[in-house]
Amino acid sequence: ADSVKGRFTISRDSARNTVYLQMNMLKPEDTAV
């Protein structure tokens, strides 16, 4: 999403069957479920 570009990174670990969302420089407007 444009609102998270440059701040959030999606990645995965195939060995763990896991996807991650690294969220940096968080803002109050990122508050959500």
PDB file of all heavy atoms in Angstrom:
ATOM      1  N   ALA A   1       0.857  -1.182   0.000  1.00  0.00           N
ATOM      2  CA  ALA A   1       0.000   0.000   0.000  1.00  0.00           C
ATOM      3  C   ALA A   1       0.897   1.237   0.000  1.00  0.00           C
ATOM      4  O   ALA A   1       1.983   1.236   0.614  1.00  0.00           O
ATOM      5  CB  ALA A   1      -0.884   0.006   1.243  1.00  0.00           C
ATOM      6  N   ASP A   2       0.457   2.277  -0.672  1.00  0.00           N
ATOM      7  CA  ASP A   2       1.270   3.497  -0.746  1.00  0.00           C
ATOM      8  C   ASP A   2       1.591   4.029   0.647  1.00  0.00           C
ATOM      9  O   ASP A   2       2.671   4.568   0.873  1.00  0.00           O
ATOM     10  CB  ASP A   2       0.523   4.568  -1.550  1.00  0.00           C
ATOM     11  CG  ASP A   2       0.498   4.272  -3.040  1.00  0.00           C
ATOM     12  OD1 ASP A   2       1.312   3.439  -3.504  1.00  0.00           O
ATOM     13  OD2 ASP A   2      -0.344   4.857  -3.736  1.00  0.00           O
ATOM     14  N   SER A   3       0.653   3.858   1.564  1.00  0.00           N
ATOM     15  CA  SER A   3       0.810   4.424   2.899  1.00  0.00           C
ATOM     16  C   SER A   3       1.914   3.748   3.715  1.00  0.00           C
ATOM     17  O   SER A   3       2.351   4.307   4.735  1.00  0.00           O
ATOM     18  CB  SER A   3      -0.504   4.338   3.668  1.00  0.00           C
ATOM     19  OG  SER A   3      -0.916   2.985   3.775  1.00  0.00           O
ATOM     20  N   VAL A   4       2.369   2.575   3.282  1.00  0.00           N
ATOM     21  CA  VAL A   4       3.390   1.863   4.062  1.00  0.00           C
ATOM     22  C   VAL A   4       4.696   1.685   3.298  1.00  0.00           C
ATOM     23  O   VAL A   4       5.675   1.164   3.863  1.00  0.00           O
ATOM     24  CB  VAL A   4       2.871   0.494   4.541  1.00  0.00           C
ATOM     25  CG1 VAL A   4       1.557   0.640   5.285  1.00  0.00           C
ATOM     26  CG2 VAL A   4       2.750  -0.493   3.397  1.00  0.00           C
ATOM     27  N   LYS A   5       4.717   2.078   2.049  1.00  0.00           N
ATOM     28  CA  LYS A   5       5.950   1.924   1.257  1.00  0.00           C
ATOM     29  C   LYS A   5       7.119   2.626   1.929  1.00  0.00           C
ATOM     30  O   LYS A   5       6.998   3.767   2.376  1.00  0.00           O
ATOM     31  CB  LYS A   5       5.733   2.469  -0.156  1.00  0.00           C
ATOM     32  CG  LYS A   5       4.930   1.566  -1.053  1.00  0.00           C
ATOM     33  CD  LYS A   5       4.753   2.176  -2.438  1.00  0.00           C
ATOM     34  CE  LYS A   5       3.925   1.261  -3.336  1.00  0.00           C
ATOM     35  NZ  LYS A   5       3.664   1.879  -4.668  1.00  0.00           N
ATOM     36  N   GLY A   6       8.241   1.918   1.974  1.00  0.00           N
ATOM     37  CA  GLY A   6       9.432   2.473   2.596  1.00  0.00           C
ATOM     38  C   GLY A   6       9.492   2.265   4.099  1.00  0.00           C
ATOM     39  O   GLY A   6      10.528   2.518   4.727  1.00  0.00           O
ATOM     40  N   ARG A   7       8.378   1.822   4.691  1.00  0.00           N
ATOM     41  CA  ARG A   7       8.344   1.603   6.146  1.00  0.00           C
ATOM     42  C   ARG A   7       8.112   0.130   6.498  1.00  0.00           C
ATOM     43  O   ARG A   7       8.646  -0.352   7.502  1.00  0.00           O
ATOM     44  CB  ARG A   7       7.230   2.440   6.784  1.00  0.00           C
ATOM     45  CG  ARG A   7       7.384   3.926   6.564  1.00  0.00           C
ATOM     46  CD  ARG A   7       6.367   4.723   7.384  1.00  0.00           C
ATOM     47  NE  ARG A   7       4.986   4.431   7.017  1.00  0.00           N
ATOM     48  CZ  ARG A   7       4.075   3.974   7.873  1.00  0.00           C
ATOM     49  NH1 ARG A   7       4.401   3.749   9.134  1.00  0.00           N
ATOM     50  NH2 ARG A   7       2.837   3.748   7.450  1.00  0.00           N
ATOM     51  N   PHE A   8       7.322  -0.549   5.702  1.00  0.00           N
ATOM     52  CA  PHE A   8       6.977  -1.949   5.973  1.00  0.00           C
ATOM     53  C   PHE A   8       7.672  -2.855   4.963  1.00  0.00           C
ATOM     54  O   PHE A   8       7.835  -2.483   3.795  1.00  0.00           O
ATOM     55  CB  PHE A   8       5.479  -2.177   5.868  1.00  0.00           C
ATOM     56  CG  PHE A   8       4.648  -1.545   6.957  1.00  0.00           C
ATOM     57  CD1 PHE A   8       5.170  -0.613   7.828  1.00  0.00           C
ATOM     58  CD2 PHE A   8       3.304  -1.898   7.089  1.00  0.00           C
ATOM     59  CE1 PHE A   8       4.398  -0.025   8.815  1.00  0.00           C
ATOM     60  CE2 PHE A   8       2.521  -1.325   8.075  1.00  0.00           C
ATOM     61  CZ  PHE A   8       3.071  -0.393   8.934  1.00  0.00           C
ATOM     62  N   THR A   9       8.028  -4.054   5.413  1.00  0.00           N
ATOM     63  CA  THR A   9       8.640  -5.032   4.526  1.00  0.00           C
ATOM     64  C   THR A   9       8.014  -6.396   4.776  1.00  0.00           C
ATOM     65  O   THR A   9       7.956  -6.858   5.923  1.00  0.00           O
ATOM     66  CB  THR A   9      10.157  -5.124   4.757  1.00  0.00           C
ATOM     67  OG1 THR A   9      10.751  -3.837   4.572  1.00  0.00           O
ATOM     68  CG2 THR A   9      10.785  -6.103   3.770  1.00  0.00           C
ATOM     69  N   ILE A  10       7.566  -7.022   3.707  1.00  0.00           N
ATOM     70  CA  ILE A  10       7.046  -8.384   3.803  1.00  0.00           C
ATOM     71  C   ILE A  10       8.150  -9.349   3.379  1.00  0.00           C
ATOM     72  O   ILE A  10       8.890  -9.087   2.427  1.00  0.00           O
ATOM     73  CB  ILE A  10       5.773  -8.562   2.940  1.00  0.00           C
ATOM     74  CG1 ILE A  10       5.121  -9.912   3.213  1.00  0.00           C
ATOM     75  CG2 ILE A  10       6.054  -8.361   1.457  1.00  0.00           C
ATOM     76  CD1 ILE A  10       3.724 -10.054   2.607  1.00  0.00           C
ATOM     77  N   SER A  11       8.249 -10.449   4.110  1.00  0.00           N
ATOM     78  CA  SER A  11       9.264 -11.445   3.790  1.00  0.00           C
ATOM     79  C   SER A  11       8.754 -12.811   4.226  1.00  0.00           C
ATOM     80  O   SER A  11       7.714 -12.913   4.874  1.00  0.00           O
ATOM     81  CB  SER A  11      10.583 -11.130   4.490  1.00  0.00           C
ATOM     82  OG  SER A  11      10.430 -11.178   5.897  1.00  0.00           O
ATOM     83  N   ARG A  12       9.498 -13.837   3.874  1.00  0.00           N
ATOM     84  CA  ARG A  12       9.092 -15.166   4.313  1.00  0.00           C
ATOM     85  C   ARG A  12      10.298 -16.042   4.580  1.00  0.00           C
ATOM     86  O   ARG A  12      11.374 -15.837   4.039  1.00  0.00           O
ATOM     87  CB  ARG A  12       8.187 -15.846   3.284  1.00  0.00           C
ATOM     88  CG  ARG A  12       8.795 -16.045   1.926  1.00  0.00           C
ATOM     89  CD  ARG A  12       7.800 -16.722   1.010  1.00  0.00           C
ATOM     90  NE  ARG A  12       8.039 -16.401  -0.368  1.00  0.00           N
ATOM     91  CZ  ARG A  12       7.124 -16.486  -1.320  1.00  0.00           C
ATOM     92  NH1 ARG A  12       5.894 -16.877  -1.026  1.00  0.00           N
ATOM     93  NH2 ARG A  12       7.425 -16.199  -2.566  1.00  0.00           N
ATOM     94  N   ASP A  13      10.062 -17.009   5.433  1.00  0.00           N
ATOM     95  CA  ASP A  13      11.046 -18.016   5.770  1.00  0.00           C
ATOM     96  C   ASP A  13      10.465 -19.347   5.325  1.00  0.00           C
ATOM     97  O   ASP A  13       9.563 -19.888   5.978  1.00  0.00           O
ATOM     98  CB  ASP A  13      11.311 -18.002   7.279  1.00  0.00           C
ATOM     99  CG  ASP A  13      12.390 -18.984   7.700  1.00  0.00           C
ATOM    100  OD1 ASP A  13      12.637 -19.969   6.962  1.00  0.00           O
ATOM    101  OD2 ASP A  13      12.989 -18.776   8.757  1.00  0.00           O
ATOM    102  N   SER A  14      10.973 -19.857   4.211  1.00  0.00           N
ATOM    103  CA  SER A  14      10.393 -21.072   3.652  1.00  0.00           C
ATOM    104  C   SER A  14      10.583 -22.273   4.567  1.00  0.00           C
ATOM    105  O   SER A  14       9.751 -23.186   4.599  1.00  0.00           O
ATOM    106  CB  SER A  14      10.993 -21.359   2.273  1.00  0.00           C
ATOM    107  OG  SER A  14      12.404 -21.477   2.352  1.00  0.00           O
ATOM    108  N   ALA A  15      11.657 -22.285   5.336  1.00  0.00           N
ATOM    109  CA  ALA A  15      11.914 -23.412   6.235  1.00  0.00           C
ATOM    110  C   ALA A  15      10.887 -23.470   7.363  1.00  0.00           C
ATOM    111  O   ALA A  15      10.590 -24.548   7.886  1.00  0.00           O
ATOM    112  CB  ALA A  15      13.320 -23.318   6.802  1.00  0.00           C
ATOM    113  N   ARG A  16      10.359 -22.317   7.725  1.00  0.00           N
ATOM    114  CA  ARG A  16       9.385 -22.243   8.816  1.00  0.00           C
ATOM    115  C   ARG A  16       7.952 -22.058   8.318  1.00  0.00           C
ATOM    116  O   ARG A  16       7.040 -21.926   9.133  1.00  0.00           O
ATOM    117  CB  ARG A  16       9.748 -21.101   9.762  1.00  0.00           C
ATOM    118  CG  ARG A  16      10.998 -21.345  10.587  1.00  0.00           C
ATOM    119  CD  ARG A  16      11.282 -20.191  11.531  1.00  0.00           C
ATOM    120  NE  ARG A  16      12.287 -20.518  12.539  1.00  0.00           N
ATOM    121  CZ  ARG A  16      13.580 -20.464  12.339  1.00  0.00           C
ATOM    122  NH1 ARG A  16      14.055 -20.099  11.165  1.00  0.00           N
ATOM    123  NH2 ARG A  16      14.430 -20.789  13.293  1.00  0.00           N
ATOM    124  N   ASN A  17       7.765 -22.033   6.985  1.00  0.00           N
ATOM    125  CA  ASN A  17       6.430 -21.803   6.423  1.00  0.00           C
ATOM    126  C   ASN A  17       5.806 -20.551   7.019  1.00  0.00           C
ATOM    127  O   ASN A  17       4.620 -20.525   7.353  1.00  0.00           O
ATOM    128  CB  ASN A  17       5.503 -23.004   6.674  1.00  0.00           C
ATOM    129  CG  ASN A  17       5.902 -24.229   5.891  1.00  0.00           C
ATOM    130  OD1 ASN A  17       6.695 -24.155   4.955  1.00  0.00           O
ATOM    131  ND2 ASN A  17       5.383 -25.369   6.281  1.00  0.00           N
ATOM    132  N   THR A  18       6.602 -19.519   7.139  1.00  0.00           N
ATOM    133  CA  THR A  18       6.175 -18.316   7.841  1.00  0.00           C
ATOM    134  C   THR A  18       6.401 -17.081   6.985  1.00  0.00           C
ATOM    135  O   THR A  18       7.435 -16.962   6.319  1.00  0.00           O
ATOM    136  CB  THR A  18       6.927 -18.172   9.177  1.00  0.00           C
ATOM    137  OG1 THR A  18       6.617 -19.309  10.003  1.00  0.00           O
ATOM    138  CG2 THR A  18       6.512 -16.913   9.912  1.00  0.00           C
ATOM    139  N   VAL A  19       5.426 -16.199   7.032  1.00  0.00           N
ATOM    140  CA  VAL A  19       5.522 -14.890   6.392  1.00  0.00           C
ATOM    141  C   VAL A  19       5.580 -13.833   7.491  1.00  0.00           C
ATOM    142  O   VAL A  19       4.894 -13.955   8.513  1.00  0.00           O
ATOM    143  CB  VAL A  19       4.325 -14.641   5.463  1.00  0.00           C
ATOM    144  CG1 VAL A  19       4.309 -13.205   4.975  1.00  0.00           C
ATOM    145  CG2 VAL A  19       4.371 -15.591   4.283  1.00  0.00           C
ATOM    146  N   TYR A  20       6.400 -12.832   7.270  1.00  0.00           N
ATOM    147  CA  TYR A  20       6.590 -11.774   8.254  1.00  0.00           C
ATOM    148  C   TYR A  20       6.179 -10.422   7.677  1.00  0.00           C
ATOM    149  O   TYR A  20       6.232 -10.202   6.465  1.00  0.00           O
ATOM    150  CB  TYR A  20       8.051 -11.687   8.683  1.00  0.00           C
ATOM    151  CG  TYR A  20       8.601 -12.967   9.259  1.00  0.00           C
ATOM    152  CD1 TYR A  20       9.353 -13.841   8.469  1.00  0.00           C
ATOM    153  CD2 TYR A  20       8.385 -13.303  10.584  1.00  0.00           C
ATOM    154  CE1 TYR A  20       9.858 -15.014   8.993  1.00  0.00           C
ATOM    155  CE2 TYR A  20       8.889 -14.480  11.118  1.00  0.00           C
ATOM    156  CZ  TYR A  20       9.632 -15.332  10.315  1.00  0.00           C
ATOM    157  OH  TYR A  20      10.130 -16.501  10.846  1.00  0.00           O
ATOM    158  N   LEU A  21       5.822  -9.539   8.568  1.00  0.00           N
ATOM    159  CA  LEU A  21       5.630  -8.138   8.204  1.00  0.00           C
ATOM    160  C   LEU A  21       6.442  -7.315   9.199  1.00  0.00           C
ATOM    161  O   LEU A  21       6.072  -7.218  10.365  1.00  0.00           O
ATOM    162  CB  LEU A  21       4.164  -7.737   8.238  1.00  0.00           C
ATOM    163  CG  LEU A  21       3.885  -6.307   7.769  1.00  0.00           C
ATOM    164  CD1 LEU A  21       4.169  -6.170   6.268  1.00  0.00           C
ATOM    165  CD2 LEU A  21       2.448  -5.894   8.071  1.00  0.00           C
ATOM    166  N   GLN A  22       7.543  -6.790   8.716  1.00  0.00           N
ATOM    167  CA  GLN A  22       8.357  -5.899   9.535  1.00  0.00           C
ATOM    168  C   GLN A  22       7.837  -4.489   9.357  1.00  0.00           C
ATOM    169  O   GLN A  22       7.790  -3.985   8.227  1.00  0.00           O
ATOM    170  CB  GLN A  22       9.826  -5.975   9.116  1.00  0.00           C
ATOM    171  CG  GLN A  22      10.744  -5.049   9.894  1.00  0.00           C
ATOM    172  CD  GLN A  22      10.858  -5.413  11.360  1.00  0.00           C
ATOM    173  OE1 GLN A  22      10.968  -6.588  11.711  1.00  0.00           O
ATOM    174  NE2 GLN A  22      10.818  -4.414  12.217  1.00  0.00           N
ATOM    175  N   MET A  23       7.465  -3.867  10.448  1.00  0.00           N
ATOM    176  CA  MET A  23       6.856  -2.535  10.408  1.00  0.00           C
ATOM    177  C   MET A  23       7.758  -1.563  11.163  1.00  0.00           C
ATOM    178  O   MET A  23       7.973  -1.723  12.370  1.00  0.00           O
ATOM    179  CB  MET A  23       5.467  -2.564  11.038  1.00  0.00           C
ATOM    180  CG  MET A  23       4.547  -3.598  10.400  1.00  0.00           C
ATOM    181  SD  MET A  23       2.868  -3.565  11.059  1.00  0.00           S
ATOM    182  CE  MET A  23       3.161  -4.165  12.726  1.00  0.00           C
ATOM    183  N   ASN A  24       8.293  -0.602  10.448  1.00  0.00           N
ATOM    184  CA  ASN A  24       9.179   0.403  11.030  1.00  0.00           C
ATOM    185  C   ASN A  24       8.547   1.777  10.908  1.00  0.00           C
ATOM    186  O   ASN A  24       7.622   1.981  10.125  1.00  0.00           O
ATOM    187  CB  ASN A  24      10.533   0.394  10.324  1.00  0.00           C
ATOM    188  CG  ASN A  24      11.254  -0.928  10.464  1.00  0.00           C
ATOM    189  OD1 ASN A  24      11.148  -1.618  11.474  1.00  0.00           O
ATOM    190  ND2 ASN A  24      12.018  -1.299   9.439  1.00  0.00           N
ATOM    191  N   MET A  25       9.084   2.698  11.659  1.00  0.00           N
ATOM    192  CA  MET A  25       8.601   4.094  11.633  1.00  0.00           C
ATOM    193  C   MET A  25       7.079   4.131  11.747  1.00  0.00           C
ATOM    194  O   MET A  25       6.398   4.805  10.967  1.00  0.00           O
ATOM    195  CB  MET A  25       9.071   4.783  10.351  1.00  0.00           C
ATOM    196  CG  MET A  25      10.577   4.928  10.267  1.00  0.00           C
ATOM    197  SD  MET A  25      11.118   5.787   8.772  1.00  0.00           S
ATOM    198  CE  MET A  25      10.802   4.532   7.526  1.00  0.00           C
ATOM    199  N   LEU A  26       6.575   3.432  12.716  1.00  0.00           N
ATOM    200  CA  LEU A  26       5.128   3.302  12.873  1.00  0.00           C
ATOM    201  C   LEU A  26       4.486   4.636  13.239  1.00  0.00           C
ATOM    202  O   LEU A  26       5.083   5.465  13.938  1.00  0.00           O
ATOM    203  CB  LEU A  26       4.810   2.248  13.919  1.00  0.00           C
ATOM    204  CG  LEU A  26       4.992   0.808  13.417  1.00  0.00           C
ATOM    205  CD1 LEU A  26       5.150  -0.164  14.570  1.00  0.00           C
ATOM    206  CD2 LEU A  26       3.815   0.406  12.531  1.00  0.00           C
ATOM    207  N   LYS A  27       3.263   4.788  12.742  1.00  0.00           N
ATOM    208  CA  LYS A  27       2.498   6.016  12.959  1.00  0.00           C
ATOM    209  C   LYS A  27       1.174   5.656  13.637  1.00  0.00           C
ATOM    210  O   LYS A  27       0.689   4.534  13.504  1.00  0.00           O
ATOM    211  CB  LYS A  27       2.195   6.680  11.611  1.00  0.00           C
ATOM    212  CG  LYS A  27       3.410   6.979  10.766  1.00  0.00           C
ATOM    213  CD  LYS A  27       2.996   7.545   9.409  1.00  0.00           C
ATOM    214  CE  LYS A  27       4.196   7.834   8.534  1.00  0.00           C
ATOM    215  NZ  LYS A  27       3.796   8.394   7.212  1.00  0.00           N
ATOM    216  N   PRO A  28       0.576   6.618  14.322  1.00  0.00           N
ATOM    217  CA  PRO A  28      -0.729   6.325  14.948  1.00  0.00           C
ATOM    218  C   PRO A  28      -1.760   5.812  13.949  1.00  0.00           C
ATOM    219  O   PRO A  28      -2.595   4.974  14.304  1.00  0.00           O
ATOM    220  CB  PRO A  28      -1.128   7.681  15.531  1.00  0.00           C
ATOM    221  CG  PRO A  28       0.177   8.342  15.848  1.00  0.00           C
ATOM    222  CD  PRO A  28       1.093   7.937  14.724  1.00  0.00           C
ATOM    223  N   GLU A  29      -1.681   6.276  12.718  1.00  0.00           N
ATOM    224  CA  GLU A  29      -2.648   5.836  11.715  1.00  0.00           C
ATOM    225  C   GLU A  29      -2.424   4.397  11.266  1.00  0.00           C
ATOM    226  O   GLU A  29      -3.226   3.849  10.504  1.00  0.00           O
ATOM    227  CB  GLU A  29      -2.650   6.767  10.493  1.00  0.00           C
ATOM    228  CG  GLU A  29      -1.293   7.045   9.902  1.00  0.00           C
ATOM    229  CD  GLU A  29      -0.702   8.356  10.412  1.00  0.00           C
ATOM    230  OE1 GLU A  29      -0.796   8.632  11.627  1.00  0.00           O
ATOM    231  OE2 GLU A  29      -0.118   9.087   9.585  1.00  0.00           O
ATOM    232  N   ASP A  30      -1.359   3.772  11.722  1.00  0.00           N
ATOM    233  CA  ASP A  30      -1.153   2.351  11.449  1.00  0.00           C
ATOM    234  C   ASP A  30      -1.928   1.467  12.431  1.00  0.00           C
ATOM    235  O   ASP A  30      -1.962   0.240  12.285  1.00  0.00           O
ATOM    236  CB  ASP A  30       0.333   1.990  11.535  1.00  0.00           C
ATOM    237  CG  ASP A  30       1.157   2.649  10.451  1.00  0.00           C
ATOM    238  OD1 ASP A  30       0.702   2.684   9.290  1.00  0.00           O
ATOM    239  OD2 ASP A  30       2.274   3.125  10.763  1.00  0.00           O
ATOM    240  N   THR A  31      -2.538   2.087  13.418  1.00  0.00           N
ATOM    241  CA  THR A  31      -3.317   1.345  14.395  1.00  0.00           C
ATOM    242  C   THR A  31      -4.472   0.620  13.719  1.00  0.00           C
ATOM    243  O   THR A  31      -5.269   1.233  13.006  1.00  0.00           O
ATOM    244  CB  THR A  31      -3.854   2.285  15.474  1.00  0.00           C
ATOM    245  OG1 THR A  31      -2.748   2.827  16.208  1.00  0.00           O
ATOM    246  CG2 THR A  31      -4.783   1.551  16.431  1.00  0.00           C
ATOM    247  N   ALA A  32      -4.544  -0.682  13.938  1.00  0.00           N
ATOM    248  CA  ALA A  32      -5.568  -1.503  13.298  1.00  0.00           C
ATOM    249  C   ALA A  32      -5.413  -2.943  13.768  1.00  0.00           C
ATOM    250  O   ALA A  32      -4.422  -3.291  14.431  1.00  0.00           O
ATOM    251  CB  ALA A  32      -5.437  -1.454  11.781  1.00  0.00           C
ATOM    252  N   VAL A  33      -6.387  -3.751  13.397  1.00  0.00           N
ATOM    253  CA  VAL A  33      -6.222  -5.202  13.513  1.00  0.00           C
ATOM    254  C   VAL A  33      -5.612  -5.684  12.202  1.00  0.00           C
ATOM    255  O   VAL A  33      -6.131  -5.376  11.122  1.00  0.00           O
ATOM    256  CB  VAL A  33      -7.554  -5.912  13.789  1.00  0.00           C
ATOM    257  CG1 VAL A  33      -7.350  -7.423  13.828  1.00  0.00           C
ATOM    258  CG2 VAL A  33      -8.161  -5.414  15.090  1.00  0.00           C
TER     259      VAL A  33
END
